[in-house]
Amino acid sequence: MKISFLEIAQHELDEAIAYYNSQRTGLGDEFLLEILRLLDKIGEFPEAWHPISQNVRRCRLRQFPYGILYQVRESHILIIAVAHLHRKPYYWQDRI
């Protein structure tokens, strides 16, 4: 299934990668690889993760305190946020 990002979600991803690379060389790349692996799984099994609201599901990363928040739509999956899970828990709700 095709996956697309809201512009702000793409910005969150880019910022997190830059932050982790500033902490340790290559750490942002590790973060991105984990995101890409999870996006593949979400594309293959979009209903596998528990809904956190009526139309939004969250897939948590294992090695980083982030989650991918997404909606399953008719023709694609929309990434709503790449959210740090220890900060403002429902800040993304106005995006849907």
PDB file of N, CA and C in Angstrom:
ATOM      1  N   MET A   1       0.845  -1.168   0.000  1.00  0.00           N
ATOM      2  CA  MET A   1       0.000   0.000   0.000  1.00  0.00           C
ATOM      3  C   MET A   1       0.897   1.240   0.000  1.00  0.00           C
ATOM      4  N   LYS A   2       0.519   2.252  -0.753  1.00  0.00           N
ATOM      5  CA  LYS A   2       1.289   3.492  -0.844  1.00  0.00           C
ATOM      6  C   LYS A   2       1.248   4.234   0.493  1.00  0.00           C
ATOM      7  N   ILE A   3       2.387   4.825   0.853  1.00  0.00           N
ATOM      8  CA  ILE A   3       2.489   5.588   2.095  1.00  0.00           C
ATOM      9  C   ILE A   3       2.881   7.017   1.744  1.00  0.00           C
ATOM     10  N   SER A   4       2.157   7.968   2.340  1.00  0.00           N
ATOM     11  CA  SER A   4       2.512   9.375   2.156  1.00  0.00           C
ATOM     12  C   SER A   4       2.583  10.050   3.521  1.00  0.00           C
ATOM     13  N   PHE A   5       3.304  11.159   3.573  1.00  0.00           N
ATOM     14  CA  PHE A   5       3.508  11.910   4.804  1.00  0.00           C
ATOM     15  C   PHE A   5       2.835  13.268   4.697  1.00  0.00           C
ATOM     16  N   LEU A   6       2.217  13.705   5.790  1.00  0.00           N
ATOM     17  CA  LEU A   6       1.886  15.118   5.886  1.00  0.00           C
ATOM     18  C   LEU A   6       3.219  15.866   5.883  1.00  0.00           C
ATOM     19  N   GLU A   7       3.226  17.064   5.360  1.00  0.00           N
ATOM     20  CA  GLU A   7       4.464  17.839   5.303  1.00  0.00           C
ATOM     21  C   GLU A   7       5.074  18.023   6.689  1.00  0.00           C
ATOM     22  N   ILE A   8       4.246  18.280   7.675  1.00  0.00           N
ATOM     23  CA  ILE A   8       4.751  18.492   9.037  1.00  0.00           C
ATOM     24  C   ILE A   8       5.323  17.199   9.627  1.00  0.00           C
ATOM     25  N   ALA A   9       4.766  16.057   9.268  1.00  0.00           N
ATOM     26  CA  ALA A   9       5.301  14.777   9.739  1.00  0.00           C
ATOM     27  C   ALA A   9       6.668  14.518   9.111  1.00  0.00           C
ATOM     28  N   GLN A  10       6.818  14.862   7.841  1.00  0.00           N
ATOM     29  CA  GLN A  10       8.122  14.725   7.176  1.00  0.00           C
ATOM     30  C   GLN A  10       9.148  15.631   7.853  1.00  0.00           C
ATOM     31  N   HIS A  11       8.719  16.817   8.229  1.00  0.00           N
ATOM     32  CA  HIS A  11       9.602  17.758   8.928  1.00  0.00           C
ATOM     33  C   HIS A  11      10.022  17.181  10.289  1.00  0.00           C
ATOM     34  N   GLU A  12       9.097  16.567  10.999  1.00  0.00           N
ATOM     35  CA  GLU A  12       9.428  15.941  12.291  1.00  0.00           C
ATOM     36  C   GLU A  12      10.464  14.845  12.105  1.00  0.00           C
ATOM     37  N   LEU A  13      10.291  14.045  11.060  1.00  0.00           N
ATOM     38  CA  LEU A  13      11.248  12.971  10.775  1.00  0.00           C
ATOM     39  C   LEU A  13      12.627  13.556  10.485  1.00  0.00           C
ATOM     40  N   ASP A  14      12.681  14.559   9.631  1.00  0.00           N
ATOM     41  CA  ASP A  14      13.961  15.185   9.282  1.00  0.00           C
ATOM     42  C   ASP A  14      14.644  15.786  10.511  1.00  0.00           C
ATOM     43  N   GLU A  15      13.871  16.444  11.363  1.00  0.00           N
ATOM     44  CA  GLU A  15      14.435  17.034  12.585  1.00  0.00           C
ATOM     45  C   GLU A  15      14.990  15.972  13.529  1.00  0.00           C
ATOM     46  N   ALA A  16      14.263  14.871  13.673  1.00  0.00           N
ATOM     47  CA  ALA A  16      14.727  13.800  14.565  1.00  0.00           C
ATOM     48  C   ALA A  16      16.019  13.178  14.034  1.00  0.00           C
ATOM     49  N   ILE A  17      16.094  12.967  12.734  1.00  0.00           N
ATOM     50  CA  ILE A  17      17.317  12.415  12.137  1.00  0.00           C
ATOM     51  C   ILE A  17      18.487  13.353  12.395  1.00  0.00           C
ATOM     52  N   ALA A  18      18.291  14.646  12.163  1.00  0.00           N
ATOM     53  CA  ALA A  18      19.358  15.630  12.380  1.00  0.00           C
ATOM     54  C   ALA A  18      19.775  15.666  13.854  1.00  0.00           C
ATOM     55  N   TYR A  19      18.789  15.619  14.752  1.00  0.00           N
ATOM     56  CA  TYR A  19      19.102  15.638  16.184  1.00  0.00           C
ATOM     57  C   TYR A  19      19.954  14.428  16.560  1.00  0.00           C
ATOM     58  N   TYR A  20      19.537  13.244  16.160  1.00  0.00           N
ATOM     59  CA  TYR A  20      20.285  12.048  16.537  1.00  0.00           C
ATOM     60  C   TYR A  20      21.671  12.026  15.906  1.00  0.00           C
ATOM     61  N   ASN A  21      21.805  12.521  14.665  1.00  0.00           N
ATOM     62  CA  ASN A  21      23.138  12.598  14.063  1.00  0.00           C
ATOM     63  C   ASN A  21      24.024  13.596  14.797  1.00  0.00           C
ATOM     64  N   SER A  22      23.431  14.640  15.395  1.00  0.00           N
ATOM     65  CA  SER A  22      24.229  15.602  16.162  1.00  0.00           C
ATOM     66  C   SER A  22      24.687  15.004  17.497  1.00  0.00           C
ATOM     67  N   GLN A  23      23.962  14.010  17.980  1.00  0.00           N
ATOM     68  CA  GLN A  23      24.321  13.361  19.236  1.00  0.00           C
ATOM     69  C   GLN A  23      25.447  12.352  19.052  1.00  0.00           C
ATOM     70  N   ARG A  24      25.403  11.640  17.930  1.00  0.00           N
ATOM     71  CA  ARG A  24      26.450  10.657  17.620  1.00  0.00           C
ATOM     72  C   ARG A  24      26.408  10.385  16.128  1.00  0.00           C
ATOM     73  N   THR A  25      27.526  10.416  15.483  1.00  0.00           N
ATOM     74  CA  THR A  25      27.591  10.159  14.053  1.00  0.00           C
ATOM     75  C   THR A  25      26.966   8.801  13.742  1.00  0.00           C
ATOM     76  N   GLY A  26      26.026   8.814  12.820  1.00  0.00           N
ATOM     77  CA  GLY A  26      25.376   7.575  12.394  1.00  0.00           C
ATOM     78  C   GLY A  26      24.116   7.225  13.171  1.00  0.00           C
ATOM     79  N   LEU A  27      23.878   7.867  14.309  1.00  0.00           N
ATOM     80  CA  LEU A  27      22.701   7.533  15.103  1.00  0.00           C
ATOM     81  C   LEU A  27      21.410   7.928  14.375  1.00  0.00           C
ATOM     82  N   GLY A  28      21.435   9.049  13.686  1.00  0.00           N
ATOM     83  CA  GLY A  28      20.275   9.459  12.901  1.00  0.00           C
ATOM     84  C   GLY A  28      19.985   8.475  11.780  1.00  0.00           C
ATOM     85  N   ASP A  29      21.044   7.904  11.210  1.00  0.00           N
ATOM     86  CA  ASP A  29      20.861   6.891  10.169  1.00  0.00           C
ATOM     87  C   ASP A  29      20.218   5.631  10.745  1.00  0.00           C
ATOM     88  N   GLU A  30      20.613   5.257  11.961  1.00  0.00           N
ATOM     89  CA  GLU A  30      19.988   4.113  12.635  1.00  0.00           C
ATOM     90  C   GLU A  30      18.506   4.390  12.878  1.00  0.00           C
ATOM     91  N   PHE A  31      18.200   5.609  13.294  1.00  0.00           N
ATOM     92  CA  PHE A  31      16.808   6.012  13.500  1.00  0.00           C
ATOM     93  C   PHE A  31      16.026   5.884  12.192  1.00  0.00           C
ATOM     94  N   LEU A  32      16.580   6.417  11.107  1.00  0.00           N
ATOM     95  CA  LEU A  32      15.912   6.350   9.809  1.00  0.00           C
ATOM     96  C   LEU A  32      15.708   4.908   9.359  1.00  0.00           C
ATOM     97  N   LEU A  33      16.687   4.048   9.560  1.00  0.00           N
ATOM     98  CA  LEU A  33      16.532   2.639   9.172  1.00  0.00           C
ATOM     99  C   LEU A  33      15.400   1.972   9.934  1.00  0.00           C
ATOM    100  N   GLU A  34      15.283   2.282  11.224  1.00  0.00           N
ATOM    101  CA  GLU A  34      14.180   1.713  12.001  1.00  0.00           C
ATOM    102  C   GLU A  34      12.839   2.238  11.495  1.00  0.00           C
ATOM    103  N   ILE A  35      12.773   3.530  11.174  1.00  0.00           N
ATOM    104  CA  ILE A  35      11.547   4.107  10.608  1.00  0.00           C
ATOM    105  C   ILE A  35      11.195   3.395   9.303  1.00  0.00           C
ATOM    106  N   LEU A  36      12.166   3.223   8.421  1.00  0.00           N
ATOM    107  CA  LEU A  36      11.900   2.594   7.122  1.00  0.00           C
ATOM    108  C   LEU A  36      11.428   1.158   7.273  1.00  0.00           C
ATOM    109  N   ARG A  37      12.018   0.421   8.209  1.00  0.00           N
ATOM    110  CA  ARG A  37      11.569  -0.961   8.461  1.00  0.00           C
ATOM    111  C   ARG A  37      10.116  -0.980   8.925  1.00  0.00           C
ATOM    112  N   LEU A  38       9.782  -0.055   9.832  1.00  0.00           N
ATOM    113  CA  LEU A  38       8.413  -0.009  10.329  1.00  0.00           C
ATOM    114  C   LEU A  38       7.432   0.446   9.246  1.00  0.00           C
ATOM    115  N   LEU A  39       7.839   1.370   8.405  1.00  0.00           N
ATOM    116  CA  LEU A  39       6.961   1.788   7.310  1.00  0.00           C
ATOM    117  C   LEU A  39       6.656   0.625   6.376  1.00  0.00           C
ATOM    118  N   ASP A  40       7.654  -0.225   6.122  1.00  0.00           N
ATOM    119  CA  ASP A  40       7.423  -1.428   5.313  1.00  0.00           C
ATOM    120  C   ASP A  40       6.392  -2.332   5.983  1.00  0.00           C
ATOM    121  N   LYS A  41       6.529  -2.527   7.297  1.00  0.00           N
ATOM    122  CA  LYS A  41       5.581  -3.371   8.032  1.00  0.00           C
ATOM    123  C   LYS A  41       4.184  -2.759   8.053  1.00  0.00           C
ATOM    124  N   ILE A  42       4.108  -1.444   8.254  1.00  0.00           N
ATOM    125  CA  ILE A  42       2.814  -0.765   8.245  1.00  0.00           C
ATOM    126  C   ILE A  42       2.159  -0.921   6.871  1.00  0.00           C
ATOM    127  N   GLY A  43       2.946  -0.768   5.810  1.00  0.00           N
ATOM    128  CA  GLY A  43       2.410  -0.930   4.466  1.00  0.00           C
ATOM    129  C   GLY A  43       1.897  -2.342   4.199  1.00  0.00           C
ATOM    130  N   GLU A  44       2.557  -3.311   4.787  1.00  0.00           N
ATOM    131  CA  GLU A  44       2.166  -4.708   4.601  1.00  0.00           C
ATOM    132  C   GLU A  44       0.990  -5.112   5.494  1.00  0.00           C
ATOM    133  N   PHE A  45       0.984  -4.624   6.719  1.00  0.00           N
ATOM    134  CA  PHE A  45      -0.043  -4.981   7.703  1.00  0.00           C
ATOM    135  C   PHE A  45      -0.609  -3.724   8.371  1.00  0.00           C
ATOM    136  N   PRO A  46      -1.334  -2.892   7.648  1.00  0.00           N
ATOM    137  CA  PRO A  46      -1.758  -1.593   8.194  1.00  0.00           C
ATOM    138  C   PRO A  46      -2.679  -1.674   9.407  1.00  0.00           C
ATOM    139  N   GLU A  47      -3.404  -2.746   9.567  1.00  0.00           N
ATOM    140  CA  GLU A  47      -4.336  -2.861  10.697  1.00  0.00           C
ATOM    141  C   GLU A  47      -3.706  -3.546  11.914  1.00  0.00           C
ATOM    142  N   ALA A  48      -2.414  -3.826  11.873  1.00  0.00           N
ATOM    143  CA  ALA A  48      -1.759  -4.605  12.930  1.00  0.00           C
ATOM    144  C   ALA A  48      -1.574  -3.841  14.237  1.00  0.00           C
ATOM    145  N   TRP A  49      -1.505  -2.524  14.188  1.00  0.00           N
ATOM    146  CA  TRP A  49      -1.249  -1.751  15.402  1.00  0.00           C
ATOM    147  C   TRP A  49      -2.532  -1.217  15.987  1.00  0.00           C
ATOM    148  N   HIS A  50      -2.516  -1.120  17.289  1.00  0.00           N
ATOM    149  CA  HIS A  50      -3.694  -0.739  18.051  1.00  0.00           C
ATOM    150  C   HIS A  50      -4.088   0.712  17.763  1.00  0.00           C
ATOM    151  N   PRO A  51      -5.379   0.974  17.539  1.00  0.00           N
ATOM    152  CA  PRO A  51      -5.815   2.358  17.348  1.00  0.00           C
ATOM    153  C   PRO A  51      -5.691   3.154  18.648  1.00  0.00           C
ATOM    154  N   ILE A  52      -5.260   4.411  18.521  1.00  0.00           N
ATOM    155  CA  ILE A  52      -5.187   5.274  19.701  1.00  0.00           C
ATOM    156  C   ILE A  52      -6.274   6.339  19.668  1.00  0.00           C
ATOM    157  N   SER A  53      -6.977   6.420  18.564  1.00  0.00           N
ATOM    158  CA  SER A  53      -8.174   7.247  18.450  1.00  0.00           C
ATOM    159  C   SER A  53      -9.039   6.589  17.376  1.00  0.00           C
ATOM    160  N   GLN A  54     -10.128   7.208  17.040  1.00  0.00           N
ATOM    161  CA  GLN A  54     -11.067   6.584  16.109  1.00  0.00           C
ATOM    162  C   GLN A  54     -10.433   6.207  14.767  1.00  0.00           C
ATOM    163  N   ASN A  55      -9.581   7.073  14.224  1.00  0.00           N
ATOM    164  CA  ASN A  55      -9.015   6.828  12.896  1.00  0.00           C
ATOM    165  C   ASN A  55      -7.499   6.790  12.849  1.00  0.00           C
ATOM    166  N   VAL A  56      -6.846   6.799  13.999  1.00  0.00           N
ATOM    167  CA  VAL A  56      -5.385   6.876  14.024  1.00  0.00           C
ATOM    168  C   VAL A  56      -4.812   5.669  14.762  1.00  0.00           C
ATOM    169  N   ARG A  57      -3.745   5.126  14.182  1.00  0.00           N
ATOM    170  CA  ARG A  57      -3.008   4.024  14.804  1.00  0.00           C
ATOM    171  C   ARG A  57      -1.589   4.489  15.099  1.00  0.00           C
ATOM    172  N   ARG A  58      -0.949   3.818  16.067  1.00  0.00           N
ATOM    173  CA  ARG A  58       0.423   4.172  16.421  1.00  0.00           C
ATOM    174  C   ARG A  58       1.293   2.929  16.419  1.00  0.00           C
ATOM    175  N   CYS A  59       2.413   3.054  15.755  1.00  0.00           N
ATOM    176  CA  CYS A  59       3.425   2.001  15.738  1.00  0.00           C
ATOM    177  C   CYS A  59       4.658   2.555  16.446  1.00  0.00           C
ATOM    178  N   ARG A  60       5.052   1.926  17.531  1.00  0.00           N
ATOM    179  CA  ARG A  60       6.190   2.408  18.328  1.00  0.00           C
ATOM    180  C   ARG A  60       7.502   1.850  17.800  1.00  0.00           C
ATOM    181  N   LEU A  61       8.518   2.700  17.842  1.00  0.00           N
ATOM    182  CA  LEU A  61       9.860   2.251  17.523  1.00  0.00           C
ATOM    183  C   LEU A  61      10.409   1.503  18.725  1.00  0.00           C
ATOM    184  N   ARG A  62      11.321   0.583  18.501  1.00  0.00           N
ATOM    185  CA  ARG A  62      11.880  -0.192  19.604  1.00  0.00           C
ATOM    186  C   ARG A  62      13.063   0.494  20.268  1.00  0.00           C
ATOM    187  N   GLN A  63      13.935   1.093  19.459  1.00  0.00           N
ATOM    188  CA  GLN A  63      15.186   1.623  19.998  1.00  0.00           C
ATOM    189  C   GLN A  63      15.137   3.111  20.320  1.00  0.00           C
ATOM    190  N   PHE A  64      14.076   3.780  19.926  1.00  0.00           N
ATOM    191  CA  PHE A  64      13.973   5.221  20.118  1.00  0.00           C
ATOM    192  C   PHE A  64      12.592   5.538  20.697  1.00  0.00           C
ATOM    193  N   PRO A  65      12.478   6.636  21.457  1.00  0.00           N
ATOM    194  CA  PRO A  65      11.189   6.966  22.088  1.00  0.00           C
ATOM    195  C   PRO A  65      10.233   7.690  21.133  1.00  0.00           C
ATOM    196  N   TYR A  66      10.020   7.117  19.981  1.00  0.00           N
ATOM    197  CA  TYR A  66       9.162   7.705  18.950  1.00  0.00           C
ATOM    198  C   TYR A  66       8.099   6.718  18.511  1.00  0.00           C
ATOM    199  N   GLY A  67       7.058   7.268  17.933  1.00  0.00           N
ATOM    200  CA  GLY A  67       6.010   6.455  17.328  1.00  0.00           C
ATOM    201  C   GLY A  67       5.608   7.059  15.996  1.00  0.00           C
ATOM    202  N   ILE A  68       5.161   6.198  15.108  1.00  0.00           N
ATOM    203  CA  ILE A  68       4.625   6.637  13.823  1.00  0.00           C
ATOM    204  C   ILE A  68       3.116   6.617  13.963  1.00  0.00           C
ATOM    205  N   LEU A  69       2.493   7.771  13.809  1.00  0.00           N
ATOM    206  CA  LEU A  69       1.034   7.876  13.893  1.00  0.00           C
ATOM    207  C   LEU A  69       0.497   7.979  12.479  1.00  0.00           C
ATOM    208  N   TYR A  70      -0.485   7.148  12.170  1.00  0.00           N
ATOM    209  CA  TYR A  70      -0.951   7.080  10.790  1.00  0.00           C
ATOM    210  C   TYR A  70      -2.433   6.752  10.706  1.00  0.00           C
ATOM    211  N   GLN A  71      -2.977   7.060   9.539  1.00  0.00           N
ATOM    212  CA  GLN A  71      -4.356   6.715   9.209  1.00  0.00           C
ATOM    213  C   GLN A  71      -4.335   5.785   8.004  1.00  0.00           C
ATOM    214  N   VAL A  72      -5.200   4.787   8.050  1.00  0.00           N
ATOM    215  CA  VAL A  72      -5.386   3.918   6.892  1.00  0.00           C
ATOM    216  C   VAL A  72      -6.534   4.515   6.094  1.00  0.00           C
ATOM    217  N   ARG A  73      -6.232   4.916   4.887  1.00  0.00           N
ATOM    218  CA  ARG A  73      -7.235   5.510   4.006  1.00  0.00           C
ATOM    219  C   ARG A  73      -7.559   4.511   2.904  1.00  0.00           C
ATOM    220  N   GLU A  74      -8.514   4.839   2.059  1.00  0.00           N
ATOM    221  CA  GLU A  74      -8.934   3.901   1.014  1.00  0.00           C
ATOM    222  C   GLU A  74      -7.789   3.471   0.112  1.00  0.00           C
ATOM    223  N   SER A  75      -7.015   4.426  -0.364  1.00  0.00           N
ATOM    224  CA  SER A  75      -5.995   4.100  -1.352  1.00  0.00           C
ATOM    225  C   SER A  75      -4.566   4.189  -0.840  1.00  0.00           C
ATOM    226  N   HIS A  76      -4.377   4.650   0.395  1.00  0.00           N
ATOM    227  CA  HIS A  76      -3.021   4.793   0.910  1.00  0.00           C
ATOM    228  C   HIS A  76      -3.014   4.925   2.427  1.00  0.00           C
ATOM    229  N   ILE A  77      -1.816   4.966   2.962  1.00  0.00           N
ATOM    230  CA  ILE A  77      -1.608   5.198   4.387  1.00  0.00           C
ATOM    231  C   ILE A  77      -1.026   6.595   4.514  1.00  0.00           C
ATOM    232  N   LEU A  78      -1.597   7.386   5.409  1.00  0.00           N
ATOM    233  CA  LEU A  78      -1.141   8.755   5.627  1.00  0.00           C
ATOM    234  C   LEU A  78      -0.433   8.845   6.971  1.00  0.00           C
ATOM    235  N   ILE A  79       0.844   9.221   6.947  1.00  0.00           N
ATOM    236  CA  ILE A  79       1.602   9.420   8.176  1.00  0.00           C
ATOM    237  C   ILE A  79       1.267  10.813   8.692  1.00  0.00           C
ATOM    238  N   ILE A  80       0.703  10.858   9.881  1.00  0.00           N
ATOM    239  CA  ILE A  80       0.254  12.107  10.486  1.00  0.00           C
ATOM    240  C   ILE A  80       1.352  12.735  11.332  1.00  0.00           C
ATOM    241  N   ALA A  81       2.144  11.904  12.005  1.00  0.00           N
ATOM    242  CA  ALA A  81       3.201  12.427  12.870  1.00  0.00           C
ATOM    243  C   ALA A  81       4.278  11.374  13.071  1.00  0.00           C
ATOM    244  N   VAL A  82       5.492  11.852  13.242  1.00  0.00           N
ATOM    245  CA  VAL A  82       6.599  11.047  13.747  1.00  0.00           C
ATOM    246  C   VAL A  82       6.862  11.669  15.116  1.00  0.00           C
ATOM    247  N   ALA A  83       6.223  11.106  16.123  1.00  0.00           N
ATOM    248  CA  ALA A  83       6.075  11.773  17.412  1.00  0.00           C
ATOM    249  C   ALA A  83       7.010  11.224  18.478  1.00  0.00           C
ATOM    250  N   HIS A  84       7.669  12.131  19.179  1.00  0.00           N
ATOM    251  CA  HIS A  84       8.425  11.767  20.373  1.00  0.00           C
ATOM    252  C   HIS A  84       7.387  11.437  21.441  1.00  0.00           C
ATOM    253  N   LEU A  85       7.464  10.249  21.998  1.00  0.00           N
ATOM    254  CA  LEU A  85       6.405   9.762  22.887  1.00  0.00           C
ATOM    255  C   LEU A  85       6.520  10.257  24.321  1.00  0.00           C
ATOM    256  N   HIS A  86       7.579  10.995  24.647  1.00  0.00           N
ATOM    257  CA  HIS A  86       7.716  11.535  26.001  1.00  0.00           C
ATOM    258  C   HIS A  86       7.378  13.020  26.053  1.00  0.00           C
ATOM    259  N   ARG A  87       6.822  13.528  24.977  1.00  0.00           N
ATOM    260  CA  ARG A  87       6.443  14.944  24.910  1.00  0.00           C
ATOM    261  C   ARG A  87       4.961  15.050  24.591  1.00  0.00           C
ATOM    262  N   LYS A  88       4.339  16.099  24.983  1.00  0.00           N
ATOM    263  CA  LYS A  88       2.943  16.436  24.686  1.00  0.00           C
ATOM    264  C   LYS A  88       2.191  15.336  23.939  1.00  0.00           C
ATOM    265  N   PRO A  89       1.573  14.409  24.630  1.00  0.00           N
ATOM    266  CA  PRO A  89       1.010  13.232  23.991  1.00  0.00           C
ATOM    267  C   PRO A  89      -0.027  13.476  22.910  1.00  0.00           C
ATOM    268  N   TYR A  90      -0.834  14.307  22.820  1.00  0.00           N
ATOM    269  CA  TYR A  90      -1.815  14.352  21.729  1.00  0.00           C
ATOM    270  C   TYR A  90      -1.726  15.651  20.927  1.00  0.00           C
ATOM    271  N   TYR A  91      -0.520  16.174  20.791  1.00  0.00           N
ATOM    272  CA  TYR A  91      -0.321  17.434  20.077  1.00  0.00           C
ATOM    273  C   TYR A  91      -0.735  17.354  18.610  1.00  0.00           C
ATOM    274  N   TRP A  92      -0.736  16.183  18.033  1.00  0.00           N
ATOM    275  CA  TRP A  92      -0.984  15.975  16.618  1.00  0.00           C
ATOM    276  C   TRP A  92      -2.466  15.922  16.263  1.00  0.00           C
ATOM    277  N   GLN A  93      -3.355  15.901  17.226  1.00  0.00           N
ATOM    278  CA  GLN A  93      -4.785  15.676  16.956  1.00  0.00           C
ATOM    279  C   GLN A  93      -5.400  16.705  16.023  1.00  0.00           C
ATOM    280  N   ASP A  94      -4.911  17.923  16.014  1.00  0.00           N
ATOM    281  CA  ASP A  94      -5.502  18.925  15.112  1.00  0.00           C
ATOM    282  C   ASP A  94      -5.114  18.694  13.657  1.00  0.00           C
ATOM    283  N   ARG A  95      -4.287  17.702  13.391  1.00  0.00           N
ATOM    284  CA  ARG A  95      -3.859  17.389  12.019  1.00  0.00           C
ATOM    285  C   ARG A  95      -4.864  16.503  11.280  1.00  0.00           C
ATOM    286  N   ILE A  96      -5.798  15.912  12.029  1.00  0.00           N
ATOM    287  CA  ILE A  96      -6.722  14.973  11.380  1.00  0.00           C
ATOM    288  C   ILE A  96      -8.102  15.574  11.173  1.00  0.00           C
TER     289      ILE A  96
END
